[in-house]
């Protein structure tokens, strides 16, 4: 149990930030799942349309990861590593 007023305030801030961080991390995970599913579906047929769908989903993943970096939820090196690994999957 918090003993001081400042610790009570800090614990409220920590809970708020944890909720926001979790929201962004879940958005990233969902975007990655959608991207990986589209790559899996379009891996058998190498059509131009399938490639465009995969690239569109990849840009959505990039967008969500970059927003998380901007809000300091992910470190920039972690984001760079994730984006690099996801980009290598499509090749």
N, C-alpha and C. Protein backbone atom coordinates (compact mmCIF):
# COMPACT_ATOMS: atom_id res chain seq x y z
N UNK A 1 0.84 -1.18 0.00
CA UNK A 1 0.00 0.00 0.00
C UNK A 1 0.89 1.24 0.00
N UNK A 2 0.57 2.22 -0.85
CA UNK A 2 1.39 3.44 -0.90
C UNK A 2 1.34 4.20 0.42
N UNK A 3 2.50 4.73 0.81
CA UNK A 3 2.61 5.41 2.08
C UNK A 3 2.51 6.93 1.94
N UNK A 4 2.96 7.45 0.82
CA UNK A 4 3.00 8.90 0.67
C UNK A 4 2.04 9.34 -0.44
N UNK A 5 1.71 10.62 -0.42
CA UNK A 5 0.80 11.16 -1.43
C UNK A 5 1.42 11.09 -2.82
N UNK A 6 2.71 11.33 -2.89
CA UNK A 6 3.37 11.30 -4.19
C UNK A 6 3.35 9.89 -4.78
N UNK A 7 3.48 8.90 -3.91
CA UNK A 7 3.46 7.52 -4.41
C UNK A 7 2.06 7.13 -4.88
N UNK A 8 1.04 7.64 -4.23
CA UNK A 8 -0.33 7.39 -4.66
C UNK A 8 -0.55 7.99 -6.05
N UNK A 9 -0.07 9.22 -6.24
CA UNK A 9 -0.21 9.86 -7.55
C UNK A 9 0.59 9.12 -8.62
N UNK A 10 1.80 8.72 -8.26
CA UNK A 10 2.63 8.00 -9.23
C UNK A 10 2.01 6.67 -9.62
N UNK A 11 1.39 5.98 -8.67
CA UNK A 11 0.78 4.70 -9.00
C UNK A 11 -0.40 4.88 -9.95
N UNK A 12 -1.12 5.98 -9.83
CA UNK A 12 -2.21 6.26 -10.77
C UNK A 12 -1.65 6.53 -12.17
N UNK A 13 -0.56 7.27 -12.23
CA UNK A 13 0.09 7.56 -13.52
C UNK A 13 0.62 6.28 -14.16
N UNK A 14 1.21 5.42 -13.34
CA UNK A 14 1.75 4.16 -13.85
C UNK A 14 0.63 3.29 -14.44
N UNK A 15 -0.50 3.23 -13.76
CA UNK A 15 -1.62 2.45 -14.28
C UNK A 15 -2.15 3.03 -15.59
N UNK A 16 -2.23 4.35 -15.66
CA UNK A 16 -2.69 5.00 -16.89
C UNK A 16 -1.74 4.70 -18.05
N UNK A 17 -0.44 4.85 -17.80
CA UNK A 17 0.54 4.60 -18.85
C UNK A 17 0.57 3.14 -19.27
N UNK A 18 0.40 2.23 -18.32
CA UNK A 18 0.39 0.81 -18.64
C UNK A 18 -0.78 0.49 -19.58
N UNK A 19 -1.91 1.10 -19.31
CA UNK A 19 -3.09 0.89 -20.16
C UNK A 19 -2.84 1.39 -21.58
N UNK A 20 -2.27 2.58 -21.71
CA UNK A 20 -1.98 3.13 -23.03
C UNK A 20 -0.92 2.32 -23.77
N UNK A 21 0.13 1.92 -23.06
CA UNK A 21 1.18 1.13 -23.68
C UNK A 21 0.64 -0.20 -24.18
N UNK A 22 -0.21 -0.81 -23.39
CA UNK A 22 -0.79 -2.10 -23.77
C UNK A 22 -1.65 -1.95 -25.02
N UNK A 23 -2.38 -0.85 -25.10
CA UNK A 23 -3.22 -0.60 -26.26
C UNK A 23 -2.38 -0.54 -27.54
N UNK A 24 -1.28 0.20 -27.50
CA UNK A 24 -0.43 0.32 -28.69
C UNK A 24 0.26 -0.99 -29.03
N UNK A 25 0.69 -1.73 -28.02
CA UNK A 25 1.36 -3.01 -28.28
C UNK A 25 0.38 -4.01 -28.90
N UNK A 26 -0.86 -3.99 -28.45
CA UNK A 26 -1.86 -4.88 -29.04
C UNK A 26 -2.15 -4.49 -30.49
N UNK A 27 -2.18 -3.20 -30.78
CA UNK A 27 -2.38 -2.76 -32.16
C UNK A 27 -1.25 -3.26 -33.06
N UNK A 28 -0.03 -3.21 -32.55
CA UNK A 28 1.11 -3.70 -33.32
C UNK A 28 0.97 -5.20 -33.57
N UNK A 29 0.62 -5.94 -32.54
CA UNK A 29 0.49 -7.39 -32.69
C UNK A 29 -0.60 -7.76 -33.69
N UNK A 30 -1.72 -7.04 -33.64
CA UNK A 30 -2.81 -7.32 -34.58
C UNK A 30 -2.39 -7.00 -36.01
N UNK A 31 -1.69 -5.89 -36.20
CA UNK A 31 -1.24 -5.53 -37.54
C UNK A 31 -0.25 -6.56 -38.07
N UNK A 32 0.63 -7.05 -37.21
CA UNK A 32 1.59 -8.07 -37.64
C UNK A 32 0.88 -9.36 -38.02
N UNK A 33 -0.13 -9.75 -37.25
CA UNK A 33 -0.87 -10.97 -37.56
C UNK A 33 -1.56 -10.85 -38.92
N UNK A 34 -2.16 -9.70 -39.18
CA UNK A 34 -2.82 -9.49 -40.46
C UNK A 34 -1.81 -9.57 -41.60
N UNK A 35 -0.65 -8.97 -41.40
CA UNK A 35 0.40 -9.00 -42.42
C UNK A 35 0.88 -10.43 -42.67
N UNK A 36 1.17 -11.16 -41.60
CA UNK A 36 1.67 -12.53 -41.76
C UNK A 36 0.63 -13.43 -42.42
N UNK A 37 -0.63 -13.21 -42.09
CA UNK A 37 -1.69 -14.00 -42.72
C UNK A 37 -1.77 -13.70 -44.22
N UNK A 38 -1.65 -12.44 -44.59
CA UNK A 38 -1.70 -12.09 -46.01
C UNK A 38 -0.50 -12.65 -46.76
N UNK A 39 0.66 -12.69 -46.12
CA UNK A 39 1.84 -13.27 -46.76
C UNK A 39 1.64 -14.78 -46.94
N UNK A 40 1.08 -15.41 -45.93
CA UNK A 40 0.85 -16.86 -46.01
C UNK A 40 -0.15 -17.20 -47.12
N UNK A 41 -1.21 -16.44 -47.22
CA UNK A 41 -2.23 -16.68 -48.25
C UNK A 41 -1.66 -16.45 -49.64
N UNK A 42 -0.87 -15.41 -49.79
CA UNK A 42 -0.36 -15.04 -51.11
C UNK A 42 0.99 -15.67 -51.44
N UNK A 43 1.49 -16.56 -50.58
CA UNK A 43 2.79 -17.17 -50.86
C UNK A 43 2.70 -18.21 -51.97
N UNK A 44 1.54 -18.87 -52.09
CA UNK A 44 1.41 -19.91 -53.10
C UNK A 44 1.34 -19.31 -54.51
N UNK A 45 0.57 -18.24 -54.66
CA UNK A 45 0.50 -17.59 -55.97
C UNK A 45 1.19 -16.24 -55.90
N UNK A 46 2.16 -16.06 -56.74
CA UNK A 46 2.98 -14.83 -56.73
C UNK A 46 2.39 -13.79 -57.67
N UNK A 47 1.13 -13.44 -57.46
CA UNK A 47 0.48 -12.47 -58.34
C UNK A 47 0.82 -11.04 -57.90
N UNK A 48 0.64 -10.14 -58.81
CA UNK A 48 0.91 -8.72 -58.53
C UNK A 48 -0.09 -8.17 -57.52
N UNK A 49 -1.33 -8.63 -57.61
CA UNK A 49 -2.37 -8.16 -56.69
C UNK A 49 -2.08 -8.62 -55.27
N UNK A 50 -1.64 -9.86 -55.12
CA UNK A 50 -1.30 -10.39 -53.80
C UNK A 50 -0.13 -9.66 -53.18
N UNK A 51 0.85 -9.33 -54.02
CA UNK A 51 2.00 -8.59 -53.53
C UNK A 51 1.60 -7.19 -53.05
N UNK A 52 0.67 -6.56 -53.78
CA UNK A 52 0.20 -5.24 -53.37
C UNK A 52 -0.54 -5.30 -52.04
N UNK A 53 -1.31 -6.36 -51.82
CA UNK A 53 -2.02 -6.52 -50.54
C UNK A 53 -1.01 -6.66 -49.41
N UNK A 54 0.01 -7.49 -49.63
CA UNK A 54 1.05 -7.69 -48.61
C UNK A 54 1.79 -6.39 -48.30
N UNK A 55 2.13 -5.65 -49.34
CA UNK A 55 2.84 -4.38 -49.13
C UNK A 55 1.96 -3.36 -48.41
N UNK A 56 0.67 -3.37 -48.71
CA UNK A 56 -0.25 -2.48 -48.00
C UNK A 56 -0.33 -2.82 -46.52
N UNK A 57 -0.37 -4.12 -46.22
CA UNK A 57 -0.39 -4.54 -44.81
C UNK A 57 0.94 -4.24 -44.13
N UNK A 58 2.03 -4.36 -44.87
CA UNK A 58 3.34 -4.04 -44.30
C UNK A 58 3.43 -2.56 -43.96
N UNK A 59 2.89 -1.71 -44.82
CA UNK A 59 2.92 -0.28 -44.51
C UNK A 59 2.06 0.05 -43.30
N UNK A 60 0.97 -0.71 -43.10
CA UNK A 60 0.15 -0.52 -41.90
C UNK A 60 0.95 -0.90 -40.65
N UNK A 61 1.72 -1.97 -40.73
CA UNK A 61 2.56 -2.38 -39.60
C UNK A 61 3.61 -1.31 -39.32
N UNK A 62 4.26 -0.82 -40.38
CA UNK A 62 5.26 0.24 -40.21
C UNK A 62 4.65 1.46 -39.52
N UNK A 63 3.45 1.81 -39.94
CA UNK A 63 2.79 2.98 -39.39
C UNK A 63 2.53 2.82 -37.89
N UNK A 64 2.04 1.66 -37.49
CA UNK A 64 1.74 1.45 -36.07
C UNK A 64 3.01 1.38 -35.24
N UNK A 65 4.06 0.76 -35.79
CA UNK A 65 5.32 0.69 -35.06
C UNK A 65 5.93 2.08 -34.90
N UNK A 66 5.87 2.88 -35.96
CA UNK A 66 6.43 4.23 -35.88
C UNK A 66 5.67 5.11 -34.89
N UNK A 67 4.37 4.92 -34.80
CA UNK A 67 3.60 5.68 -33.80
C UNK A 67 3.99 5.28 -32.39
N UNK A 68 4.25 3.99 -32.19
CA UNK A 68 4.67 3.53 -30.87
C UNK A 68 6.04 4.09 -30.51
N UNK A 69 6.92 4.22 -31.48
CA UNK A 69 8.25 4.80 -31.22
C UNK A 69 8.10 6.28 -30.89
N UNK A 70 7.23 6.95 -31.61
CA UNK A 70 7.03 8.37 -31.37
C UNK A 70 6.50 8.63 -29.95
N UNK A 71 5.69 7.72 -29.45
CA UNK A 71 5.13 7.87 -28.11
C UNK A 71 5.99 7.19 -27.04
N UNK A 72 7.18 6.73 -27.45
CA UNK A 72 8.18 6.12 -26.56
C UNK A 72 7.66 4.86 -25.88
N UNK A 73 6.88 4.08 -26.63
CA UNK A 73 6.42 2.79 -26.14
C UNK A 73 7.42 1.71 -26.55
N UNK A 74 7.98 1.85 -27.73
CA UNK A 74 9.04 0.97 -28.21
C UNK A 74 10.32 1.78 -28.40
N UNK A 75 11.44 1.13 -28.19
CA UNK A 75 12.72 1.76 -28.49
C UNK A 75 12.93 1.74 -29.99
N UNK A 76 13.64 2.72 -30.50
CA UNK A 76 13.80 2.83 -31.95
C UNK A 76 14.55 1.66 -32.54
N UNK A 77 15.50 1.09 -31.80
CA UNK A 77 16.23 -0.07 -32.31
C UNK A 77 15.34 -1.31 -32.36
N UNK A 78 14.47 -1.46 -31.38
CA UNK A 78 13.52 -2.57 -31.38
C UNK A 78 12.58 -2.46 -32.56
N UNK A 79 12.12 -1.26 -32.82
CA UNK A 79 11.22 -1.03 -33.96
C UNK A 79 11.93 -1.32 -35.26
N UNK A 80 13.17 -0.90 -35.36
CA UNK A 80 13.94 -1.14 -36.58
C UNK A 80 14.14 -2.63 -36.80
N UNK A 81 14.42 -3.36 -35.75
CA UNK A 81 14.61 -4.81 -35.86
C UNK A 81 13.32 -5.50 -36.30
N UNK A 82 12.20 -5.11 -35.70
CA UNK A 82 10.91 -5.70 -36.08
C UNK A 82 10.60 -5.43 -37.55
N UNK A 83 10.79 -4.18 -37.98
CA UNK A 83 10.48 -3.83 -39.36
C UNK A 83 11.38 -4.56 -40.34
N UNK A 84 12.64 -4.72 -39.99
CA UNK A 84 13.57 -5.42 -40.86
C UNK A 84 13.19 -6.88 -41.02
N UNK A 85 12.84 -7.53 -39.92
CA UNK A 85 12.47 -8.95 -39.99
C UNK A 85 11.18 -9.15 -40.76
N UNK A 86 10.24 -8.24 -40.61
CA UNK A 86 8.98 -8.36 -41.34
C UNK A 86 9.19 -8.10 -42.83
N UNK A 87 10.07 -7.19 -43.18
CA UNK A 87 10.34 -6.91 -44.58
C UNK A 87 11.05 -8.08 -45.25
N UNK A 88 11.89 -8.81 -44.52
CA UNK A 88 12.59 -9.95 -45.09
C UNK A 88 11.66 -11.13 -45.36
N UNK A 89 10.54 -11.19 -44.69
CA UNK A 89 9.59 -12.29 -44.89
C UNK A 89 9.01 -12.24 -46.29
N UNK A 90 8.75 -11.06 -46.79
CA UNK A 90 8.09 -10.90 -48.10
C UNK A 90 9.01 -11.25 -49.25
N UNK A 91 10.31 -11.20 -49.05
CA UNK A 91 11.28 -11.47 -50.13
C UNK A 91 11.50 -12.93 -50.35
